[in-house]
Amino acid sequence: MRHQYIERETGRVRTERLCGDGLIRVLYSREREDACRMYRALTSARLSSLLGFLNYDVPLGRRVLGSGEFLRDVDLTECADPKEASGSLRRLFERKIRYWECRPMPADPRAVMSPADSRLLLGSLDENSHLFLKDKFFHFHELLGREHRVWHAAFERGAFAVFRLTPDKYHYNHTPAAGVVRDIYEIDGVYHSCNPWAVTAVCTPYSRNRRVVTVLDTDVPGGSGAGLVAMVEVVALMIGSVVQCYSVERYEDPRPVIPGMFLAGGRPKSLFRPGSSTVVLLFQPGRVRFAPDLVRNLYAYDVQSRFSAGFGRPLVETEVRVRSWIGNSCAKTPPGEGSPHDAYAEEECLHG
């Protein structure tokens, strides 16, 4: 089955070329998942790192694994230093771009932005929402870490957005909103592929993979007013780590992200090591209103999506650019206050 998505800027339906698709389909077939030694080895840190080295640092490995074909999808004119990006495949995938010129961000301080050049799916953890997708891509208690229960209640019945990066994408993640870091921690795990076939074949894969969780409080002076926002950076096959390197101005003076730090919206926050990977944003109930076109695209019936086949309902990705608008924050109204219009807006926020 083909995997298609909608290009946001043009509205066109595109067919994705999936790197190593045949191998992934064999490894993640349901008959082999529990018994296949290769499957278990593939998702281990050691073999994932080895595959990454062969794919991104060894020219022959690039041809064998098929990643070289994705080079033609990279726009080198966006690079901050095209000469630097024209070296090894690894350097190309870790390229810096002139995001301040080619990835404009919304002027609205309430805007919530895409953290990555990626393909986006929206969902809700609330059974009353038409975006309800609980336990499809992740179990959110596991995603946040069972031992970090302090954050579980905050995001119960909230909304989420899944951003899937493909190998040709720019691999810096940017802050989706402005706020203060309340917590940041790493959770160990395996290295499942982010290929749509693998995602539908494995139950809640994103909460099994190694990941970094950053909890932002945006209800602070200078913040975006979207409540608590959890940004979960999920590693995948051939991704060795997530490097935290927040910069206020372009890529200058990168710093590790620590609790108490204020992060301005739309700035480089971290870097995925080369490959495919995923970012998940979690929002508190009633604190974000998603962009209407993204919600509408999700249910397009004339698009062939492997997510639709795997989950039994239309689920179509939209290709979005880093720092682009994906929704607006919603102010939290105290009980008993606000007009009927405010109450409607709050309900609209809750349901995406």
Protein backbone atom coordinates (compact mmCIF):
# COMPACT_ATOMS: atom_id res chain seq x y z
CA MET A 1 0.00 0.00 0.00
CA ARG A 2 1.22 3.49 -0.85
CA HIS A 3 1.66 6.06 1.89
CA GLN A 4 0.48 9.54 0.99
CA TYR A 5 0.28 12.87 2.79
CA ILE A 6 -1.00 16.37 2.09
CA GLU A 7 1.40 19.18 1.31
CA ARG A 8 0.11 22.08 3.39
CA GLU A 9 1.37 24.95 1.26
CA THR A 10 -0.21 23.69 -1.97
CA GLY A 11 -2.92 21.27 -0.80
CA ARG A 12 -1.52 18.61 -3.12
CA VAL A 13 -1.48 14.91 -2.27
CA ARG A 14 2.05 13.51 -2.33
CA THR A 15 3.29 9.92 -2.28
CA GLU A 16 6.16 9.31 0.10
CA ARG A 17 9.26 7.35 -0.89
CA LEU A 18 10.01 5.28 2.21
CA CYS A 19 13.65 4.43 2.86
CA GLY A 20 14.25 0.69 3.40
CA ASP A 21 10.52 -0.01 3.22
CA GLY A 22 10.82 -3.64 2.12
CA LEU A 23 13.19 -4.55 4.95
CA ILE A 24 11.01 -2.77 7.51
CA ARG A 25 7.90 -4.64 6.34
CA VAL A 26 9.64 -7.99 6.81
CA LEU A 27 11.09 -7.15 10.20
CA TYR A 28 7.80 -5.75 11.54
CA SER A 29 5.45 -8.38 10.17
CA ARG A 30 3.19 -9.58 12.97
CA GLU A 31 4.22 -13.20 12.45
CA ARG A 32 7.89 -12.39 13.07
CA GLU A 33 7.68 -9.66 15.69
CA ASP A 34 8.00 -11.82 18.77
CA ALA A 35 10.35 -14.50 17.45
CA CYS A 36 12.69 -12.81 15.03
CA ARG A 37 16.17 -12.34 16.45
CA MET A 38 16.95 -9.81 13.77
CA TYR A 39 13.94 -7.74 14.81
CA ARG A 40 15.10 -7.64 18.43
CA ALA A 41 18.67 -6.87 17.41
CA LEU A 42 17.59 -4.12 15.02
CA THR A 43 15.91 -2.14 17.78
CA SER A 44 18.91 -2.37 20.11
CA ALA A 45 21.15 0.63 20.75
CA ARG A 46 24.30 -1.14 19.52
CA LEU A 47 22.97 -2.23 16.12
CA SER A 48 21.06 1.00 15.59
CA SER A 49 24.31 2.92 16.12
CA LEU A 50 26.16 0.60 13.73
CA LEU A 51 23.50 1.03 11.03
CA GLY A 52 23.75 4.78 11.51
CA PHE A 53 27.51 4.68 10.99
CA LEU A 54 27.20 2.54 7.85
CA ASN A 55 24.43 4.71 6.45
CA TYR A 56 25.79 8.17 7.17
CA ASP A 57 29.57 7.80 7.33
CA VAL A 58 30.42 5.02 4.85
CA PRO A 59 29.78 5.78 1.14
CA LEU A 60 29.17 2.12 0.23
CA GLY A 61 26.67 1.73 3.06
CA ARG A 62 24.75 4.72 1.75
CA ARG A 63 24.26 2.96 -1.60
CA VAL A 64 23.35 -0.39 -0.04
CA LEU A 65 20.83 1.03 2.43
CA GLY A 66 19.33 3.38 -0.13
CA SER A 67 19.56 6.67 1.75
CA GLY A 68 21.50 8.40 -1.03
CA GLU A 69 18.33 8.87 -3.09
CA PHE A 70 16.99 11.26 -0.47
CA LEU A 71 19.79 13.71 -1.20
CA ARG A 72 17.87 15.06 -4.16
CA ASP A 73 15.08 16.23 -1.84
CA VAL A 74 17.40 18.50 0.15
CA ASP A 75 17.32 22.21 -0.74
CA LEU A 76 20.93 23.27 -0.28
CA THR A 77 20.05 26.91 -0.99
CA GLU A 78 18.49 27.07 2.50
CA CYS A 79 21.70 26.04 4.25
CA ALA A 80 23.43 28.59 6.44
CA ASP A 81 26.70 27.26 5.00
CA PRO A 82 26.11 25.17 1.83
CA LYS A 83 29.78 24.13 1.68
CA GLU A 84 29.59 22.66 5.17
CA ALA A 85 26.48 20.64 4.27
CA SER A 86 27.97 19.24 1.08
CA GLY A 87 30.38 16.90 2.87
CA SER A 88 29.36 13.54 4.34
CA LEU A 89 25.76 12.42 4.52
CA ARG A 90 25.90 12.87 8.30
CA ARG A 91 26.95 16.51 7.94
CA LEU A 92 24.18 17.04 5.42
CA PHE A 93 21.55 15.65 7.78
CA GLU A 94 22.89 17.77 10.65
CA ARG A 95 22.88 20.91 8.50
CA LYS A 96 21.89 24.34 9.76
CA ILE A 97 19.52 26.44 7.70
CA ARG A 98 18.74 30.15 7.56
CA TYR A 99 15.49 29.57 9.43
CA TRP A 100 15.19 33.26 10.25
CA GLU A 101 14.72 33.82 6.49
CA CYS A 102 13.18 30.61 5.09
CA ARG A 103 11.06 29.48 8.06
CA PRO A 104 9.09 32.57 9.17
CA MET A 105 7.15 32.27 12.42
CA PRO A 106 3.73 33.75 13.28
CA ALA A 107 3.60 37.24 14.75
CA ASP A 108 0.81 36.24 17.18
CA PRO A 109 2.39 35.65 20.64
CA ARG A 110 -0.36 33.05 21.34
CA ALA A 111 0.68 30.92 18.38
CA VAL A 112 1.79 27.32 18.87
CA MET A 113 4.33 26.32 16.23
CA SER A 114 5.59 23.18 14.59
CA PRO A 115 8.84 22.06 16.27
CA ALA A 116 10.19 20.46 13.10
CA ASP A 117 10.08 20.12 9.34
CA SER A 118 7.87 17.06 9.44
CA ARG A 119 4.59 15.28 8.71
CA LEU A 120 1.95 15.96 11.30
CA LEU A 121 -0.94 14.04 12.85
CA LEU A 122 -3.26 15.45 15.52
CA GLY A 123 -5.11 13.61 18.26
CA SER A 124 -6.81 13.78 21.63
CA LEU A 125 -6.76 11.70 24.81
CA ASP A 126 -10.35 12.74 25.57
CA GLU A 127 -12.99 10.14 24.68
CA ASN A 128 -15.51 12.94 23.99
CA SER A 129 -13.36 14.48 21.29
CA HIS A 130 -13.68 13.67 17.59
CA LEU A 131 -9.85 13.59 17.61
CA PHE A 132 -9.77 10.76 20.17
CA LEU A 133 -6.80 8.47 19.45
CA LYS A 134 -5.90 7.07 22.84
CA ASP A 135 -3.26 4.32 22.94
CA LYS A 136 -2.60 4.35 19.19
CA PHE A 137 0.85 5.91 18.89
CA PHE A 138 1.67 5.82 22.60
CA HIS A 139 0.33 5.32 26.09
CA PHE A 140 0.91 8.75 27.51
CA HIS A 141 1.74 7.58 31.05
CA GLU A 142 4.52 5.47 29.56
CA LEU A 143 5.49 8.22 27.12
CA LEU A 144 6.09 10.61 30.02
CA GLY A 145 7.59 7.87 32.18
CA ARG A 146 5.80 5.88 34.86
CA GLU A 147 8.16 7.26 37.48
CA HIS A 148 7.31 10.87 36.55
CA ARG A 149 3.72 10.76 37.80
CA VAL A 150 3.75 14.42 38.75
CA TRP A 151 3.03 15.24 35.07
CA HIS A 152 0.42 12.55 34.38
CA ALA A 153 -2.57 14.39 35.84
CA ALA A 154 -1.66 17.60 34.01
CA PHE A 155 -2.07 16.03 30.57
CA GLU A 156 -4.91 13.58 31.29
CA ARG A 157 -7.59 13.95 28.55
CA GLY A 158 -5.45 16.53 26.78
CA ALA A 159 -4.56 16.95 23.11
CA PHE A 160 -1.43 15.94 21.23
CA ALA A 161 0.41 16.37 17.96
CA VAL A 162 2.83 13.87 16.40
CA PHE A 163 5.57 15.19 14.09
CA ARG A 164 7.33 12.53 11.99
CA LEU A 165 10.67 13.54 10.48
CA THR A 166 11.92 11.78 7.36
CA PRO A 167 15.63 11.34 6.50
CA ASP A 168 15.78 14.30 4.11
CA LYS A 169 14.42 16.77 6.66
CA TYR A 170 16.20 19.48 8.59
CA HIS A 171 16.92 17.77 11.92
CA TYR A 172 17.04 20.65 14.39
CA ASN A 173 13.99 20.81 16.66
CA HIS A 174 12.68 24.26 17.59
CA THR A 175 10.67 25.39 20.58
CA PRO A 176 6.91 25.19 19.82
CA ALA A 177 6.02 27.93 22.31
CA ALA A 178 7.65 30.33 24.75
CA GLY A 179 7.89 29.37 28.40
CA VAL A 180 9.96 28.26 31.37
CA VAL A 181 11.38 24.74 31.57
CA ARG A 182 9.84 23.03 34.60
CA ASP A 183 11.46 19.65 33.97
CA ILE A 184 13.65 17.82 31.47
CA TYR A 185 14.66 14.17 31.67
CA GLU A 186 15.66 11.22 29.50
CA ILE A 187 13.93 7.83 29.40
CA ASP A 188 15.82 4.81 28.14
CA GLY A 189 14.30 2.52 25.54
CA VAL A 190 14.74 0.77 22.20
CA TYR A 191 15.06 2.15 18.67
CA HIS A 192 11.92 1.28 16.72
CA SER A 193 11.66 2.60 13.17
CA CYS A 194 9.34 5.57 12.50
CA ASN A 195 8.27 4.05 9.16
CA PRO A 196 4.42 4.13 9.06
CA TRP A 197 4.35 0.35 8.59
CA ALA A 198 6.40 -0.17 11.76
CA VAL A 199 4.26 2.31 13.73
CA THR A 200 1.03 0.47 12.88
CA ALA A 201 2.59 -2.96 13.47
CA VAL A 202 3.92 -2.20 16.97
CA CYS A 203 1.57 -1.22 19.79
CA THR A 204 2.35 2.28 21.16
CA PRO A 205 5.93 2.39 19.75
CA TYR A 206 6.68 5.99 20.74
CA SER A 207 6.36 5.16 24.44
CA ARG A 208 8.85 2.30 24.03
CA ASN A 209 11.66 4.19 22.31
CA ARG A 210 14.41 6.14 24.00
CA ARG A 211 13.25 9.73 24.43
CA VAL A 212 13.82 13.12 26.05
CA VAL A 213 10.88 14.84 27.78
CA THR A 214 10.84 18.61 28.29
CA VAL A 215 7.94 20.19 30.18
CA LEU A 216 7.39 23.88 29.40
CA ASP A 217 5.24 26.21 31.49
CA THR A 218 3.93 28.78 29.02
CA ASP A 219 1.70 30.59 31.56
CA VAL A 220 4.53 32.89 32.58
CA PRO A 221 5.47 36.49 31.69
CA GLY A 222 6.52 36.47 28.04
CA GLY A 223 5.05 32.99 27.56
CA SER A 224 2.59 31.78 24.94
CA GLY A 225 -0.28 31.16 27.36
CA ALA A 226 -0.88 27.53 26.38
CA GLY A 227 -0.47 26.05 29.86
CA LEU A 228 1.95 23.20 30.32
CA VAL A 229 3.36 21.78 27.08
CA ALA A 230 5.35 18.55 27.05
CA MET A 231 7.79 18.20 24.16
CA VAL A 232 8.87 14.57 23.75
CA GLU A 233 11.78 13.96 21.39
CA VAL A 234 11.69 10.30 20.35
CA VAL A 235 14.75 8.61 18.88
CA ALA A 236 14.36 5.98 16.18
CA LEU A 237 16.29 3.52 14.05
CA MET A 238 19.82 4.87 13.39
CA ILE A 239 19.26 7.85 15.72
CA GLY A 240 21.94 7.73 18.40
CA SER A 241 20.88 10.63 20.59
CA VAL A 242 19.16 13.96 20.96
CA VAL A 243 21.61 16.80 21.59
CA GLN A 244 20.16 19.69 23.59
CA CYS A 245 21.57 22.91 22.15
CA TYR A 246 19.23 25.86 22.71
CA SER A 247 20.23 29.13 21.04
CA VAL A 248 18.48 32.47 21.50
CA GLU A 249 20.02 34.02 18.37
CA ARG A 250 20.33 31.78 15.31
CA TYR A 251 22.75 28.95 16.25
CA GLU A 252 25.04 31.11 18.36
CA ASP A 253 26.12 30.19 21.88
CA PRO A 254 24.21 26.85 22.10
CA ARG A 255 23.40 25.79 25.66
CA PRO A 256 22.02 22.64 27.27
CA VAL A 257 18.39 22.90 28.36
CA ILE A 258 17.95 22.90 32.15
CA PRO A 259 15.02 23.47 34.55
CA GLY A 260 14.29 27.13 35.20
CA MET A 261 15.54 28.28 31.80
CA PHE A 262 13.22 30.53 29.76
CA LEU A 263 12.93 29.36 26.15
CA ALA A 264 11.74 31.82 23.52
CA GLY A 265 9.39 30.43 20.89
CA GLY A 266 10.71 29.22 17.53
CA ARG A 267 14.38 28.93 18.57
CA PRO A 268 16.64 25.90 17.94
CA LYS A 269 16.35 23.64 20.99
CA SER A 270 17.92 20.33 20.05
CA LEU A 271 19.40 18.25 17.26
CA PHE A 272 18.50 14.70 16.25
CA ARG A 273 21.41 12.65 15.06
CA PRO A 274 20.73 11.54 11.44
CA GLY A 275 17.81 9.35 10.39
CA SER A 276 14.08 9.36 10.88
CA SER A 277 12.69 10.47 14.20
CA THR A 278 9.60 11.87 15.91
CA VAL A 279 8.52 14.72 18.17
CA VAL A 280 5.32 14.46 20.22
CA LEU A 281 3.71 17.53 21.80
CA LEU A 282 1.26 17.05 24.67
CA PHE A 283 -1.17 19.82 25.70
CA GLN A 284 -3.41 20.21 28.72
CA PRO A 285 -7.18 19.94 28.15
CA GLY A 286 -8.72 23.10 26.71
CA ARG A 287 -5.44 24.94 26.20
CA VAL A 288 -4.90 24.72 22.44
CA ARG A 289 -7.07 25.21 19.35
CA PHE A 290 -5.58 23.43 16.35
CA ALA A 291 -5.48 25.04 12.91
CA PRO A 292 -8.66 24.11 10.97
CA ASP A 293 -6.83 22.99 7.83
CA LEU A 294 -4.76 20.47 9.82
CA VAL A 295 -7.90 18.97 11.37
CA ARG A 296 -9.64 18.87 8.00
CA ASN A 297 -6.72 17.13 6.29
CA LEU A 298 -6.65 14.46 8.99
CA TYR A 299 -9.91 12.97 7.71
CA ALA A 300 -9.33 13.22 3.95
CA TYR A 301 -10.87 10.12 2.34
CA ASP A 302 -9.17 10.44 -1.05
CA VAL A 303 -5.65 9.92 0.34
CA GLN A 304 -3.98 6.52 0.84
CA SER A 305 -2.41 6.48 4.28
CA ARG A 306 -0.94 3.46 6.04
CA PHE A 307 -2.08 4.97 9.30
CA SER A 308 -5.69 4.74 8.07
CA ALA A 309 -5.24 1.05 7.27
CA GLY A 310 -3.49 0.32 10.56
CA PHE A 311 -5.90 2.14 12.85
CA GLY A 312 -9.15 1.51 11.00
CA ARG A 313 -10.08 5.16 10.41
CA PRO A 314 -8.88 8.04 8.19
CA LEU A 315 -5.60 9.40 9.53
CA VAL A 316 -3.78 11.55 6.99
CA GLU A 317 -0.59 13.49 7.68
CA THR A 318 0.00 17.09 6.66
CA GLU A 319 3.52 18.18 5.79
CA VAL A 320 4.40 21.23 7.89
CA ARG A 321 7.47 23.41 8.20
CA VAL A 322 9.32 24.19 11.40
CA ARG A 323 8.04 27.36 13.15
CA SER A 324 4.81 27.32 11.09
CA TRP A 325 1.47 27.92 12.83
CA ILE A 326 -0.33 24.77 14.00
CA GLY A 327 -2.74 26.36 16.48
CA ASN A 328 -3.41 29.00 19.11
CA SER A 329 -3.31 28.91 22.87
CA CYS A 330 -6.57 29.22 24.80
CA ALA A 331 -6.69 31.17 28.04
CA LYS A 332 -7.91 29.13 30.99
CA THR A 333 -11.16 30.61 32.32
CA PRO A 334 -11.73 30.28 36.10
CA PRO A 335 -14.96 28.41 37.03
CA GLY A 336 -18.04 30.65 37.00
CA GLU A 337 -16.38 33.38 34.92
CA GLY A 338 -16.55 34.28 31.25
CA SER A 339 -19.33 34.77 28.72
CA PRO A 340 -21.15 32.01 26.77
CA HIS A 341 -18.86 32.85 23.85
CA ASP A 342 -15.85 32.20 26.09
CA ALA A 343 -17.34 28.86 27.10
CA TYR A 344 -17.79 27.91 23.44
CA ALA A 345 -14.20 28.84 22.70
CA GLU A 346 -13.03 26.69 25.61
CA GLU A 347 -15.05 23.74 24.28
CA GLU A 348 -13.61 24.27 20.81
CA CYS A 349 -10.14 24.23 22.30
CA LEU A 350 -10.82 21.00 24.17
CA HIS A 351 -11.89 19.21 21.02
CA GLY A 352 -9.12 20.55 18.80
